[in-house]
């Protein structure tokens, strides 16, 4: 099997036509068809279904296509690294929205200092979306903020994050709270702005256990809109302390909720080890180092590394 055959196959799948792919690759149609037949013979499996309207990828062909993309990408990066005699390449890294507020820029700065020739693509999205991108091999690494089923690859828990009631400092219901940790029944009267995913199940379970109902005024999927709603006084929210980094320090009041049973675990997930490029492995190590530094220096509000306690959020 040759890299040339992989390039031909990937382009053929992308264009869906032998004629268009041959023209794009600047080879004759018969030569492309012959190379694909040789590839299928070598693999002893059907990769493509041919018809008068084009070609369709079989299930085996789609699995081969995904790995062929990675192989070509790694080959390109290997050539580039050899030419430049230093680590280079492209790495795509995803962050859950609250996590990106505290981690994305310190990670970028650390990578720029240690591996200036590695080009990063950073993605801010929901944990479920990031898991889908990992499974689809569109991301190398991601820091997700909840357990996601069906995830293929490696997972390494990074930090446990305490959960807080976060509200605008100008609202009477936040000003009237005492300074210590709160129990769920003490906030049942406070209007809430909550997301419909992620921590929602844990919040609902905590209120049910306390035998009280949350006063949900608004549901928002999207951290920026959610925090804007909080600052506008629509209601308070329940999030990890890292969310406070997206707003001015004196604009919110934060109080830990002591009986919310499930501290959030932020986890680093990645493609399987054998699929990570040298640049992605370097980014993996830098990401872990950055997380540890942020927690030790108290720059990740409410986060703990294992049994170590980090600083609390701004109040």
C-alpha atoms as a PDB file:
ATOM      1  CA  UNK A   1       0.000   0.000   0.000  1.00  0.00           C
ATOM      2  CA  UNK A   2       1.322   3.414  -0.964  1.00  0.00           C
ATOM      3  CA  UNK A   3       0.595   6.906   0.338  1.00  0.00           C
ATOM      4  CA  UNK A   4      -0.318   7.786  -3.230  1.00  0.00           C
ATOM      5  CA  UNK A   5      -3.165   5.273  -3.117  1.00  0.00           C
ATOM      6  CA  UNK A   6      -4.413   6.750   0.150  1.00  0.00           C
ATOM      7  CA  UNK A   7      -4.401  10.240  -1.364  1.00  0.00           C
ATOM      8  CA  UNK A   8      -6.299   9.004  -4.386  1.00  0.00           C
ATOM      9  CA  UNK A   9      -8.871   7.195  -2.252  1.00  0.00           C
ATOM     10  CA  UNK A  10      -9.466  10.149   0.098  1.00  0.00           C
ATOM     11  CA  UNK A  11      -9.957  12.544  -2.826  1.00  0.00           C
ATOM     12  CA  UNK A  12     -12.289  10.123  -4.569  1.00  0.00           C
ATOM     13  CA  UNK A  13     -14.451   9.831  -1.447  1.00  0.00           C
ATOM     14  CA  UNK A  14     -14.531  13.604  -1.043  1.00  0.00           C
ATOM     15  CA  UNK A  15     -15.603  14.248  -4.642  1.00  0.00           C
ATOM     16  CA  UNK A  16     -17.833  11.192  -5.089  1.00  0.00           C
ATOM     17  CA  UNK A  17     -16.879  10.729  -8.742  1.00  0.00           C
ATOM     18  CA  UNK A  18     -13.997   8.967 -10.448  1.00  0.00           C
ATOM     19  CA  UNK A  19     -14.027  11.470 -13.305  1.00  0.00           C
ATOM     20  CA  UNK A  20     -13.951  14.523 -11.023  1.00  0.00           C
ATOM     21  CA  UNK A  21     -11.306  12.965  -8.759  1.00  0.00           C
ATOM     22  CA  UNK A  22      -9.101  12.018 -11.719  1.00  0.00           C
ATOM     23  CA  UNK A  23      -9.325  15.549 -13.097  1.00  0.00           C
ATOM     24  CA  UNK A  24      -8.519  17.040  -9.697  1.00  0.00           C
ATOM     25  CA  UNK A  25      -5.566  14.667  -9.215  1.00  0.00           C
ATOM     26  CA  UNK A  26      -4.407  15.283 -12.792  1.00  0.00           C
ATOM     27  CA  UNK A  27      -4.334  11.617 -13.754  1.00  0.00           C
ATOM     28  CA  UNK A  28      -6.377   9.663 -16.275  1.00  0.00           C
ATOM     29  CA  UNK A  29      -9.583   8.010 -15.129  1.00  0.00           C
ATOM     30  CA  UNK A  30      -8.419   4.503 -15.970  1.00  0.00           C
ATOM     31  CA  UNK A  31      -5.287   4.916 -13.844  1.00  0.00           C
ATOM     32  CA  UNK A  32      -7.318   6.054 -10.842  1.00  0.00           C
ATOM     33  CA  UNK A  33      -9.784   3.200 -11.252  1.00  0.00           C
ATOM     34  CA  UNK A  34      -6.896   0.728 -11.513  1.00  0.00           C
ATOM     35  CA  UNK A  35      -5.270   2.055  -8.321  1.00  0.00           C
ATOM     36  CA  UNK A  36      -8.553   1.723  -6.407  1.00  0.00           C
ATOM     37  CA  UNK A  37      -9.008  -1.847  -7.625  1.00  0.00           C
ATOM     38  CA  UNK A  38      -5.470  -2.702  -6.486  1.00  0.00           C
ATOM     39  CA  UNK A  39      -6.183  -1.162  -3.091  1.00  0.00           C
ATOM     40  CA  UNK A  40      -9.383  -3.190  -2.662  1.00  0.00           C
ATOM     41  CA  UNK A  41      -7.561  -6.358  -3.743  1.00  0.00           C
ATOM     42  CA  UNK A  42      -4.776  -5.743  -1.235  1.00  0.00           C
ATOM     43  CA  UNK A  43      -7.278  -5.130   1.558  1.00  0.00           C
ATOM     44  CA  UNK A  44      -9.497  -7.980   0.386  1.00  0.00           C
ATOM     45  CA  UNK A  45     -12.618  -5.889   0.938  1.00  0.00           C
ATOM     46  CA  UNK A  46     -14.953  -3.655  -1.025  1.00  0.00           C
ATOM     47  CA  UNK A  47     -14.355   0.042  -0.294  1.00  0.00           C
ATOM     48  CA  UNK A  48     -16.492   1.619  -3.007  1.00  0.00           C
ATOM     49  CA  UNK A  49     -19.759   0.879  -4.750  1.00  0.00           C
ATOM     50  CA  UNK A  50     -19.621   2.062  -8.346  1.00  0.00           C
ATOM     51  CA  UNK A  51     -22.672   3.202 -10.316  1.00  0.00           C
ATOM     52  CA  UNK A  52     -23.534   5.286 -13.370  1.00  0.00           C
ATOM     53  CA  UNK A  53     -24.003   8.358 -11.153  1.00  0.00           C
ATOM     54  CA  UNK A  54     -20.752   8.095  -9.220  1.00  0.00           C
ATOM     55  CA  UNK A  55     -19.310   6.128  -6.326  1.00  0.00           C
ATOM     56  CA  UNK A  56     -20.615   5.453  -2.812  1.00  0.00           C
ATOM     57  CA  UNK A  57     -18.460   4.522   0.156  1.00  0.00           C
ATOM     58  CA  UNK A  58     -19.150   1.203   1.845  1.00  0.00           C
ATOM     59  CA  UNK A  59     -19.070   0.849   5.633  1.00  0.00           C
ATOM     60  CA  UNK A  60     -15.593  -0.641   5.372  1.00  0.00           C
ATOM     61  CA  UNK A  61     -14.621   2.184   3.023  1.00  0.00           C
ATOM     62  CA  UNK A  62     -15.732   4.856   5.504  1.00  0.00           C
ATOM     63  CA  UNK A  63     -13.706   3.248   8.301  1.00  0.00           C
ATOM     64  CA  UNK A  64     -10.695   3.109   5.983  1.00  0.00           C
ATOM     65  CA  UNK A  65     -11.288   6.728   4.886  1.00  0.00           C
ATOM     66  CA  UNK A  66     -11.099   8.045   8.460  1.00  0.00           C
ATOM     67  CA  UNK A  67      -7.812   6.283   9.134  1.00  0.00           C
ATOM     68  CA  UNK A  68      -6.443   7.212   5.722  1.00  0.00           C
ATOM     69  CA  UNK A  69      -7.031  10.883   6.551  1.00  0.00           C
ATOM     70  CA  UNK A  70      -5.040  10.516   9.767  1.00  0.00           C
ATOM     71  CA  UNK A  71      -2.245   8.626   8.033  1.00  0.00           C
ATOM     72  CA  UNK A  72      -1.869  11.320   5.387  1.00  0.00           C
ATOM     73  CA  UNK A  73      -1.980  14.052   7.990  1.00  0.00           C
ATOM     74  CA  UNK A  74       0.718  12.368  10.077  1.00  0.00           C
ATOM     75  CA  UNK A  75       2.863  11.782   6.987  1.00  0.00           C
ATOM     76  CA  UNK A  76       2.659  15.465   6.083  1.00  0.00           C
ATOM     77  CA  UNK A  77       3.585  16.468   9.611  1.00  0.00           C
ATOM     78  CA  UNK A  78       6.501  14.008   9.651  1.00  0.00           C
ATOM     79  CA  UNK A  79       7.863  15.492   6.422  1.00  0.00           C
ATOM     80  CA  UNK A  80       7.465  19.019   7.743  1.00  0.00           C
ATOM     81  CA  UNK A  81       9.129  18.171  11.061  1.00  0.00           C
ATOM     82  CA  UNK A  82      12.061  16.517   9.294  1.00  0.00           C
ATOM     83  CA  UNK A  83      12.462  19.505   6.994  1.00  0.00           C
ATOM     84  CA  UNK A  84      12.402  22.028   9.812  1.00  0.00           C
ATOM     85  CA  UNK A  85      14.308  19.813  12.277  1.00  0.00           C
ATOM     86  CA  UNK A  86      11.911  20.756  15.060  1.00  0.00           C
ATOM     87  CA  UNK A  87       8.432  19.784  16.172  1.00  0.00           C
ATOM     88  CA  UNK A  88       5.683  21.181  14.011  1.00  0.00           C
ATOM     89  CA  UNK A  89       2.244  20.331  12.722  1.00  0.00           C
ATOM     90  CA  UNK A  90      -1.383  21.092  13.460  1.00  0.00           C
ATOM     91  CA  UNK A  91      -3.320  20.202  16.605  1.00  0.00           C
ATOM     92  CA  UNK A  92      -7.044  20.720  17.180  1.00  0.00           C
ATOM     93  CA  UNK A  93      -8.065  21.093  20.832  1.00  0.00           C
ATOM     94  CA  UNK A  94     -11.574  21.538  22.230  1.00  0.00           C
ATOM     95  CA  UNK A  95     -12.731  23.070  25.509  1.00  0.00           C
ATOM     96  CA  UNK A  96     -16.072  23.038  27.275  1.00  0.00           C
ATOM     97  CA  UNK A  97     -17.235  26.654  27.516  1.00  0.00           C
ATOM     98  CA  UNK A  98     -16.628  27.242  31.223  1.00  0.00           C
ATOM     99  CA  UNK A  99     -13.270  25.451  30.996  1.00  0.00           C
ATOM    100  CA  UNK A 100     -12.132  27.561  28.046  1.00  0.00           C
ATOM    101  CA  UNK A 101     -12.475  30.702  30.169  1.00  0.00           C
ATOM    102  CA  UNK A 102      -9.723  29.537  32.502  1.00  0.00           C
ATOM    103  CA  UNK A 103      -7.619  27.187  30.376  1.00  0.00           C
ATOM    104  CA  UNK A 104      -7.620  28.112  26.675  1.00  0.00           C
ATOM    105  CA  UNK A 105      -5.337  31.175  26.708  1.00  0.00           C
ATOM    106  CA  UNK A 106      -2.797  29.861  29.284  1.00  0.00           C
ATOM    107  CA  UNK A 107      -2.553  26.670  27.198  1.00  0.00           C
ATOM    108  CA  UNK A 108      -2.063  28.663  23.999  1.00  0.00           C
ATOM    109  CA  UNK A 109       0.638  30.792  25.597  1.00  0.00           C
ATOM    110  CA  UNK A 110       2.463  27.720  26.953  1.00  0.00           C
ATOM    111  CA  UNK A 111       2.356  26.041  23.529  1.00  0.00           C
ATOM    112  CA  UNK A 112       3.586  29.188  21.809  1.00  0.00           C
ATOM    113  CA  UNK A 113       6.540  29.335  24.185  1.00  0.00           C
ATOM    114  CA  UNK A 114       7.508  25.643  24.030  1.00  0.00           C
ATOM    115  CA  UNK A 115       6.460  24.663  20.492  1.00  0.00           C
ATOM    116  CA  UNK A 116       6.185  27.824  18.387  1.00  0.00           C
ATOM    117  CA  UNK A 117       5.918  25.871  15.130  1.00  0.00           C
ATOM    118  CA  UNK A 118       2.886  23.847  16.188  1.00  0.00           C
ATOM    119  CA  UNK A 119      -0.250  25.486  14.845  1.00  0.00           C
ATOM    120  CA  UNK A 120      -3.309  25.248  17.083  1.00  0.00           C
ATOM    121  CA  UNK A 121      -7.021  25.232  16.338  1.00  0.00           C
ATOM    122  CA  UNK A 122      -9.092  25.861  19.481  1.00  0.00           C
ATOM    123  CA  UNK A 123     -12.783  24.948  19.672  1.00  0.00           C
ATOM    124  CA  UNK A 124     -15.207  26.182  22.356  1.00  0.00           C
ATOM    125  CA  UNK A 125     -18.367  24.069  22.539  1.00  0.00           C
ATOM    126  CA  UNK A 126     -20.610  21.797  24.647  1.00  0.00           C
ATOM    127  CA  UNK A 127     -19.050  18.612  26.029  1.00  0.00           C
ATOM    128  CA  UNK A 128     -21.379  16.411  23.969  1.00  0.00           C
ATOM    129  CA  UNK A 129     -20.384  18.237  20.785  1.00  0.00           C
ATOM    130  CA  UNK A 130     -16.692  17.947  21.627  1.00  0.00           C
ATOM    131  CA  UNK A 131     -17.071  14.203  22.190  1.00  0.00           C
ATOM    132  CA  UNK A 132     -18.673  13.871  18.746  1.00  0.00           C
ATOM    133  CA  UNK A 133     -15.776  15.785  17.200  1.00  0.00           C
ATOM    134  CA  UNK A 134     -13.283  13.470  18.930  1.00  0.00           C
ATOM    135  CA  UNK A 135     -15.182  10.408  17.690  1.00  0.00           C
ATOM    136  CA  UNK A 136     -15.232  11.926  14.199  1.00  0.00           C
ATOM    137  CA  UNK A 137     -11.485  12.575  14.421  1.00  0.00           C
ATOM    138  CA  UNK A 138     -11.953  16.290  13.887  1.00  0.00           C
ATOM    139  CA  UNK A 139     -10.251  17.042  17.217  1.00  0.00           C
ATOM    140  CA  UNK A 140      -7.053  15.569  18.651  1.00  0.00           C
ATOM    141  CA  UNK A 141      -7.762  16.513  22.271  1.00  0.00           C
ATOM    142  CA  UNK A 142     -10.618  17.983  24.273  1.00  0.00           C
ATOM    143  CA  UNK A 143     -11.297  18.952  27.872  1.00  0.00           C
ATOM    144  CA  UNK A 144     -14.893  17.995  28.542  1.00  0.00           C
ATOM    145  CA  UNK A 145     -16.910  18.870  31.610  1.00  0.00           C
ATOM    146  CA  UNK A 146     -19.201  15.877  31.967  1.00  0.00           C
ATOM    147  CA  UNK A 147     -19.376  12.148  31.432  1.00  0.00           C
ATOM    148  CA  UNK A 148     -20.209  11.357  27.806  1.00  0.00           C
ATOM    149  CA  UNK A 149     -21.226   7.883  26.703  1.00  0.00           C
ATOM    150  CA  UNK A 150     -19.880   6.212  23.576  1.00  0.00           C
ATOM    151  CA  UNK A 151     -16.603   8.134  23.620  1.00  0.00           C
ATOM    152  CA  UNK A 152     -13.820   6.396  21.695  1.00  0.00           C
ATOM    153  CA  UNK A 153     -10.250   7.128  22.722  1.00  0.00           C
ATOM    154  CA  UNK A 154      -8.378   7.856  25.947  1.00  0.00           C
ATOM    155  CA  UNK A 155      -9.673   9.744  28.977  1.00  0.00           C
ATOM    156  CA  UNK A 156      -7.738  11.265  31.880  1.00  0.00           C
ATOM    157  CA  UNK A 157      -9.555  13.096  34.719  1.00  0.00           C
ATOM    158  CA  UNK A 158      -7.850  16.426  35.380  1.00  0.00           C
ATOM    159  CA  UNK A 159      -9.667  18.380  38.093  1.00  0.00           C
ATOM    160  CA  UNK A 160     -12.715  18.285  40.331  1.00  0.00           C
ATOM    161  CA  UNK A 161     -14.617  21.559  40.428  1.00  0.00           C
ATOM    162  CA  UNK A 162     -16.884  22.742  43.232  1.00  0.00           C
ATOM    163  CA  UNK A 163     -20.211  24.269  42.234  1.00  0.00           C
ATOM    164  CA  UNK A 164     -21.388  27.757  43.166  1.00  0.00           C
ATOM    165  CA  UNK A 165     -24.438  29.944  43.157  1.00  0.00           C
ATOM    166  CA  UNK A 166     -23.371  32.899  40.999  1.00  0.00           C
ATOM    167  CA  UNK A 167     -25.476  36.043  40.824  1.00  0.00           C
ATOM    168  CA  UNK A 168     -25.191  39.738  40.042  1.00  0.00           C
ATOM    169  CA  UNK A 169     -23.746  41.676  42.983  1.00  0.00           C
ATOM    170  CA  UNK A 170     -26.422  44.340  42.537  1.00  0.00           C
ATOM    171  CA  UNK A 171     -29.370  41.998  43.235  1.00  0.00           C
ATOM    172  CA  UNK A 172     -30.962  41.998  46.732  1.00  0.00           C
ATOM    173  CA  UNK A 173     -31.317  38.200  46.823  1.00  0.00           C
ATOM    174  CA  UNK A 174     -27.528  37.808  46.469  1.00  0.00           C
ATOM    175  CA  UNK A 175     -26.713  40.627  48.911  1.00  0.00           C
ATOM    176  CA  UNK A 176     -28.896  39.008  51.592  1.00  0.00           C
ATOM    177  CA  UNK A 177     -27.002  35.687  51.538  1.00  0.00           C
ATOM    178  CA  UNK A 178     -24.599  34.944  54.378  1.00  0.00           C
ATOM    179  CA  UNK A 179     -20.914  34.602  53.563  1.00  0.00           C
ATOM    180  CA  UNK A 180     -20.484  30.842  54.104  1.00  0.00           C
ATOM    181  CA  UNK A 181     -21.449  27.822  52.022  1.00  0.00           C
ATOM    182  CA  UNK A 182     -25.138  27.407  51.266  1.00  0.00           C
ATOM    183  CA  UNK A 183     -27.532  24.482  51.258  1.00  0.00           C
ATOM    184  CA  UNK A 184     -30.018  23.969  48.448  1.00  0.00           C
ATOM    185  CA  UNK A 185     -33.054  24.827  50.565  1.00  0.00           C
ATOM    186  CA  UNK A 186     -31.486  28.217  51.335  1.00  0.00           C
ATOM    187  CA  UNK A 187     -31.577  29.205  47.668  1.00  0.00           C
ATOM    188  CA  UNK A 188     -35.011  27.819  46.736  1.00  0.00           C
ATOM    189  CA  UNK A 189     -36.438  31.360  46.728  1.00  0.00           C
ATOM    190  CA  UNK A 190     -33.833  32.701  44.289  1.00  0.00           C
ATOM    191  CA  UNK A 191     -34.729  32.970  40.572  1.00  0.00           C
ATOM    192  CA  UNK A 192     -32.407  30.772  38.520  1.00  0.00           C
ATOM    193  CA  UNK A 193     -31.000  30.858  35.002  1.00  0.00           C
ATOM    194  CA  UNK A 194     -29.846  27.355  34.100  1.00  0.00           C
ATOM    195  CA  UNK A 195     -28.644  25.416  31.090  1.00  0.00           C
ATOM    196  CA  UNK A 196     -30.622  22.447  29.854  1.00  0.00           C
ATOM    197  CA  UNK A 197     -27.562  20.178  29.622  1.00  0.00           C
ATOM    198  CA  UNK A 198     -24.466  19.340  31.612  1.00  0.00           C
ATOM    199  CA  UNK A 199     -25.022  20.037  35.310  1.00  0.00           C
ATOM    200  CA  UNK A 200     -28.785  20.233  35.060  1.00  0.00           C
ATOM    201  CA  UNK A 201     -29.429  16.649  36.211  1.00  0.00           C
ATOM    202  CA  UNK A 202     -27.273  17.162  39.311  1.00  0.00           C
ATOM    203  CA  UNK A 203     -29.046  20.420  40.165  1.00  0.00           C
ATOM    204  CA  UNK A 204     -32.511  18.883  39.742  1.00  0.00           C
ATOM    205  CA  UNK A 205     -31.508  15.897  41.889  1.00  0.00           C
ATOM    206  CA  UNK A 206     -30.185  18.152  44.668  1.00  0.00           C
ATOM    207  CA  UNK A 207     -33.435  20.133  44.832  1.00  0.00           C
ATOM    208  CA  UNK A 208     -35.489  16.934  44.786  1.00  0.00           C
ATOM    209  CA  UNK A 209     -33.462  15.504  47.659  1.00  0.00           C
ATOM    210  CA  UNK A 210     -33.993  18.723  49.633  1.00  0.00           C
ATOM    211  CA  UNK A 211     -37.738  18.406  48.888  1.00  0.00           C
ATOM    212  CA  UNK A 212     -38.004  21.834  47.309  1.00  0.00           C
ATOM    213  CA  UNK A 213     -38.573  23.231  43.840  1.00  0.00           C
ATOM    214  CA  UNK A 214     -36.073  25.464  41.988  1.00  0.00           C
ATOM    215  CA  UNK A 215     -37.449  28.789  40.687  1.00  0.00           C
ATOM    216  CA  UNK A 216     -36.244  28.500  37.086  1.00  0.00           C
ATOM    217  CA  UNK A 217     -36.866  31.768  35.247  1.00  0.00           C
ATOM    218  CA  UNK A 218     -34.858  31.024  32.092  1.00  0.00           C
ATOM    219  CA  UNK A 219     -33.081  28.139  30.374  1.00  0.00           C
ATOM    220  CA  UNK A 220     -30.072  28.990  28.224  1.00  0.00           C
ATOM    221  CA  UNK A 221     -27.734  26.820  26.152  1.00  0.00           C
ATOM    222  CA  UNK A 222     -24.665  28.994  25.723  1.00  0.00           C
ATOM    223  CA  UNK A 223     -22.412  30.307  28.468  1.00  0.00           C
ATOM    224  CA  UNK A 224     -22.080  33.872  27.202  1.00  0.00           C
ATOM    225  CA  UNK A 225     -25.837  34.470  26.988  1.00  0.00           C
ATOM    226  CA  UNK A 226     -26.323  32.722  30.326  1.00  0.00           C
ATOM    227  CA  UNK A 227     -23.785  34.961  32.094  1.00  0.00           C
ATOM    228  CA  UNK A 228     -25.213  38.060  30.402  1.00  0.00           C
ATOM    229  CA  UNK A 229     -28.615  37.097  31.809  1.00  0.00           C
ATOM    230  CA  UNK A 230     -27.108  36.754  35.274  1.00  0.00           C
ATOM    231  CA  UNK A 231     -25.423  40.172  35.037  1.00  0.00           C
ATOM    232  CA  UNK A 232     -28.718  41.682  33.878  1.00  0.00           C
ATOM    233  CA  UNK A 233     -30.359  40.461  37.088  1.00  0.00           C
ATOM    234  CA  UNK A 234     -32.670  37.919  35.432  1.00  0.00           C
ATOM    235  CA  UNK A 235     -31.554  35.359  37.999  1.00  0.00           C
ATOM    236  CA  UNK A 236     -28.594  33.571  39.526  1.00  0.00           C
ATOM    237  CA  UNK A 237     -27.004  30.442  38.057  1.00  0.00           C
ATOM    238  CA  UNK A 238     -25.224  27.337  39.330  1.00  0.00           C
ATOM    239  CA  UNK A 239     -21.840  26.727  37.716  1.00  0.00           C
ATOM    240  CA  UNK A 240     -18.195  26.003  38.536  1.00  0.00           C
ATOM    241  CA  UNK A 241     -16.167  28.944  39.737  1.00  0.00           C
ATOM    242  CA  UNK A 242     -14.326  29.179  36.408  1.00  0.00           C
ATOM    243  CA  UNK A 243     -17.444  30.794  34.919  1.00  0.00           C
ATOM    244  CA  UNK A 244     -16.730  33.928  36.976  1.00  0.00           C
ATOM    245  CA  UNK A 245     -13.630  34.579  34.864  1.00  0.00           C
ATOM    246  CA  UNK A 246     -15.895  35.649  32.005  1.00  0.00           C
ATOM    247  CA  UNK A 247     -17.287  38.643  33.953  1.00  0.00           C
ATOM    248  CA  UNK A 248     -15.774  41.607  35.879  1.00  0.00           C
ATOM    249  CA  UNK A 249     -14.546  40.576  39.320  1.00  0.00           C
ATOM    250  CA  UNK A 250     -16.806  42.937  41.270  1.00  0.00           C
ATOM    251  CA  UNK A 251     -19.948  42.261  39.221  1.00  0.00           C
ATOM    252  CA  UNK A 252     -20.925  38.941  40.799  1.00  0.00           C
ATOM    253  CA  UNK A 253     -21.269  37.282  44.188  1.00  0.00           C
ATOM    254  CA  UNK A 254     -20.403  33.577  44.486  1.00  0.00           C
ATOM    255  CA  UNK A 255     -21.390  31.161  47.236  1.00  0.00           C
ATOM    256  CA  UNK A 256     -20.476  27.492  47.313  1.00  0.00           C
ATOM    257  CA  UNK A 257     -23.412  25.054  47.446  1.00  0.00           C
ATOM    258  CA  UNK A 258     -22.325  22.499  50.003  1.00  0.00           C
ATOM    259  CA  UNK A 259     -24.916  19.783  49.403  1.00  0.00           C
ATOM    260  CA  UNK A 260     -24.777  19.631  45.631  1.00  0.00           C
ATOM    261  CA  UNK A 261     -23.537  16.069  45.546  1.00  0.00           C
ATOM    262  CA  UNK A 262     -21.662  15.896  42.251  1.00  0.00           C
ATOM    263  CA  UNK A 263     -18.580  18.099  41.897  1.00  0.00           C
ATOM    264  CA  UNK A 264     -17.832  18.467  38.223  1.00  0.00           C
ATOM    265  CA  UNK A 265     -14.901  16.468  36.859  1.00  0.00           C
ATOM    266  CA  UNK A 266     -13.117  18.020  33.909  1.00  0.00           C
ATOM    267  CA  UNK A 267     -11.534  15.261  31.836  1.00  0.00           C
ATOM    268  CA  UNK A 268      -8.949  15.320  29.073  1.00  0.00           C
ATOM    269  CA  UNK A 269     -10.038  13.056  26.224  1.00  0.00           C
ATOM    270  CA  UNK A 270      -8.017  12.310  23.118  1.00  0.00           C
ATOM    271  CA  UNK A 271      -7.794  10.136  20.074  1.00  0.00           C
ATOM    272  CA  UNK A 272      -6.367   6.650  20.704  1.00  0.00           C
ATOM    273  CA  UNK A 273      -2.656   6.760  21.472  1.00  0.00           C
ATOM    274  CA  UNK A 274      -1.616   5.240  18.155  1.00  0.00           C
ATOM    275  CA  UNK A 275      -3.479   7.968  16.268  1.00  0.00           C
ATOM    276  CA  UNK A 276      -1.925  10.971  18.005  1.00  0.00           C
ATOM    277  CA  UNK A 277       0.736  12.808  16.041  1.00  0.00           C
ATOM    278  CA  UNK A 278       3.980  13.944  17.736  1.00  0.00           C
ATOM    279  CA  UNK A 279       2.572  17.475  17.859  1.00  0.00           C
ATOM    280  CA  UNK A 280      -0.622  16.221  19.512  1.00  0.00           C
ATOM    281  CA  UNK A 281       1.397  14.302  22.103  1.00  0.00           C
ATOM    282  CA  UNK A 282       3.320  17.480  22.867  1.00  0.00           C
ATOM    283  CA  UNK A 283       0.052  19.418  23.235  1.00  0.00           C
ATOM    284  CA  UNK A 284      -1.286  16.678  25.544  1.00  0.00           C
ATOM    285  CA  UNK A 285       1.703  17.092  27.871  1.00  0.00           C
ATOM    286  CA  UNK A 286       1.544  20.905  27.802  1.00  0.00           C
ATOM    287  CA  UNK A 287      -2.174  20.834  28.556  1.00  0.00           C
ATOM    288  CA  UNK A 288      -1.670  18.643  31.640  1.00  0.00           C
ATOM    289  CA  UNK A 289       1.196  20.866  32.842  1.00  0.00           C
ATOM    290  CA  UNK A 290      -0.899  23.997  32.326  1.00  0.00           C
ATOM    291  CA  UNK A 291      -3.819  22.583  34.316  1.00  0.00           C
ATOM    292  CA  UNK A 292      -1.539  21.679  37.215  1.00  0.00           C
ATOM    293  CA  UNK A 293       0.060  25.128  37.223  1.00  0.00           C
ATOM    294  CA  UNK A 294      -3.301  26.926  37.168  1.00  0.00           C
ATOM    295  CA  UNK A 295      -4.607  24.919  40.109  1.00  0.00           C
ATOM    296  CA  UNK A 296      -1.420  25.213  42.171  1.00  0.00           C
ATOM    297  CA  UNK A 297      -1.263  28.967  41.578  1.00  0.00           C
ATOM    298  CA  UNK A 298      -4.929  29.442  42.523  1.00  0.00           C
ATOM    299  CA  UNK A 299      -5.892  30.649  39.057  1.00  0.00           C
ATOM    300  CA  UNK A 300      -8.566  27.986  38.509  1.00  0.00           C
ATOM    301  CA  UNK A 301     -11.365  28.983  40.920  1.00  0.00           C
ATOM    302  CA  UNK A 302     -12.804  26.131  42.950  1.00  0.00           C
ATOM    303  CA  UNK A 303     -10.691  23.426  41.302  1.00  0.00           C
ATOM    304  CA  UNK A 304      -8.787  20.565  42.938  1.00  0.00           C
ATOM    305  CA  UNK A 305      -6.136  18.202  41.640  1.00  0.00           C
ATOM    306  CA  UNK A 306      -6.997  14.927  43.315  1.00  0.00           C
ATOM    307  CA  UNK A 307      -6.881  15.763  47.064  1.00  0.00           C
ATOM    308  CA  UNK A 308      -5.193  19.134  46.649  1.00  0.00           C
ATOM    309  CA  UNK A 309      -7.382  22.180  47.258  1.00  0.00           C
ATOM    310  CA  UNK A 310      -7.225  25.214  45.003  1.00  0.00           C
ATOM    311  CA  UNK A 311      -8.383  28.733  45.669  1.00  0.00           C
ATOM    312  CA  UNK A 312     -12.077  29.599  45.690  1.00  0.00           C
ATOM    313  CA  UNK A 313     -13.777  31.920  43.220  1.00  0.00           C
ATOM    314  CA  UNK A 314     -13.883  35.647  43.395  1.00  0.00           C
ATOM    315  CA  UNK A 315     -16.666  37.082  45.542  1.00  0.00           C
END
